[in-house]
Amino acid sequence: MKPEITDMKSPGEFLKFDVFGSSGALRPDPVFIIGMHRSGTSALGGALEALGLTVGKAAMPPDAEGGNPKGFYENLALMQFHDRFLKFIHSEWQHPEPVGRKRFRGFKACLFRRELLKLLKDEFGQDRPLIKDPRMCRLMPLWIPLIRKHFPRASFILPVRHPVEVASSLRKRDGFTLDHGLKLWVVHVLESERTTRGLSRQFTTYNQLMRSPIETVRQLANNLGLPTDAIAAAVARQIDTKLRHHSELPWPAGQPHEELTLSIHQTLASGAAPNQEMLDRLRQEYYSRMGWDC
């Protein structure tokens, strides 16, 4: 499966109002990796950063015990900003529920956006940003007005990993139950897909990255306009297939929603731009089962 790039023309359900001033020195073409925890986003981010992107001044340090010995390739200030917003709306990164759209409206949300714009200027300046934090899967509506105004050439990469692999990895790292991890996976992948409609985006999978890392990174880099002459060296430094765990796991016995969850994964990892109508139906059914608003 080759990474598919889409540039959808129909607008998403985004907030549209102007709360920002001049974009200053910010570049209009940041690269966003919008993916669930434990889905290879750090390995991919490390390879792409080596091709000319930057995670900003406040780079998060590696954490061997936390499962990222080569680094997270995330901006610590951005992660802390997202955590402050989640706390403001009485949520946390590990809460599986989707964030209601009303949480992104109002005066307080405008203030958070102003703070975010200043943070981006301080952290990235004139460099081309690589922006990655799994929290953004649930928080993209906070970003959308800023992206529409200041980043007209923003690109998005949406990596997808099998839900059972992700849930098993979260159980080992964070002690989550498999049920909790599977719910987190569903909400993160569905919300990241829904809220990036209408933007330039590419889909790829964890299997691709592990099985064909050079080809996968080269395809993504070409679509992002990044140089490709150093890809082999970047992949060799940043992507270690020996670090892969929890691969090709069967559905856990006794866990509910198998058919529905696997249908979501199959639709996202099908090898083509995802079927949005199908994903809308799957999301509505899953959220209805959970008692969540769609």
Foldseek 3Di string as FASTA:
>chain_A
DAKAKDQFADDAPADADDLDDDLAQEDQEAEEEAEAPPFCPQLLLQLVVVLFAAQFDQADAADVLLLGNLGRRHHPVVVVLLQVLQVVVPHGLLDLAADDPVSCDDDVLSVSLHVVSVVCCRTARNGHHYHYDNSCLRVVSSCVNVSVPRRQNYEYEYEAEQQQLQLVSCCVNPVDDSLSSSSNNLSSNLSNLRSCRNHTYIYYYSVCCLPPVLSRSQSVCVVSVTDNPCSVVSSVSRPDSVSDDSPPDDDDPPHPDVVLSVVLRCQRHVPYHGDVVVSVVSVVVVCVVVVGDD
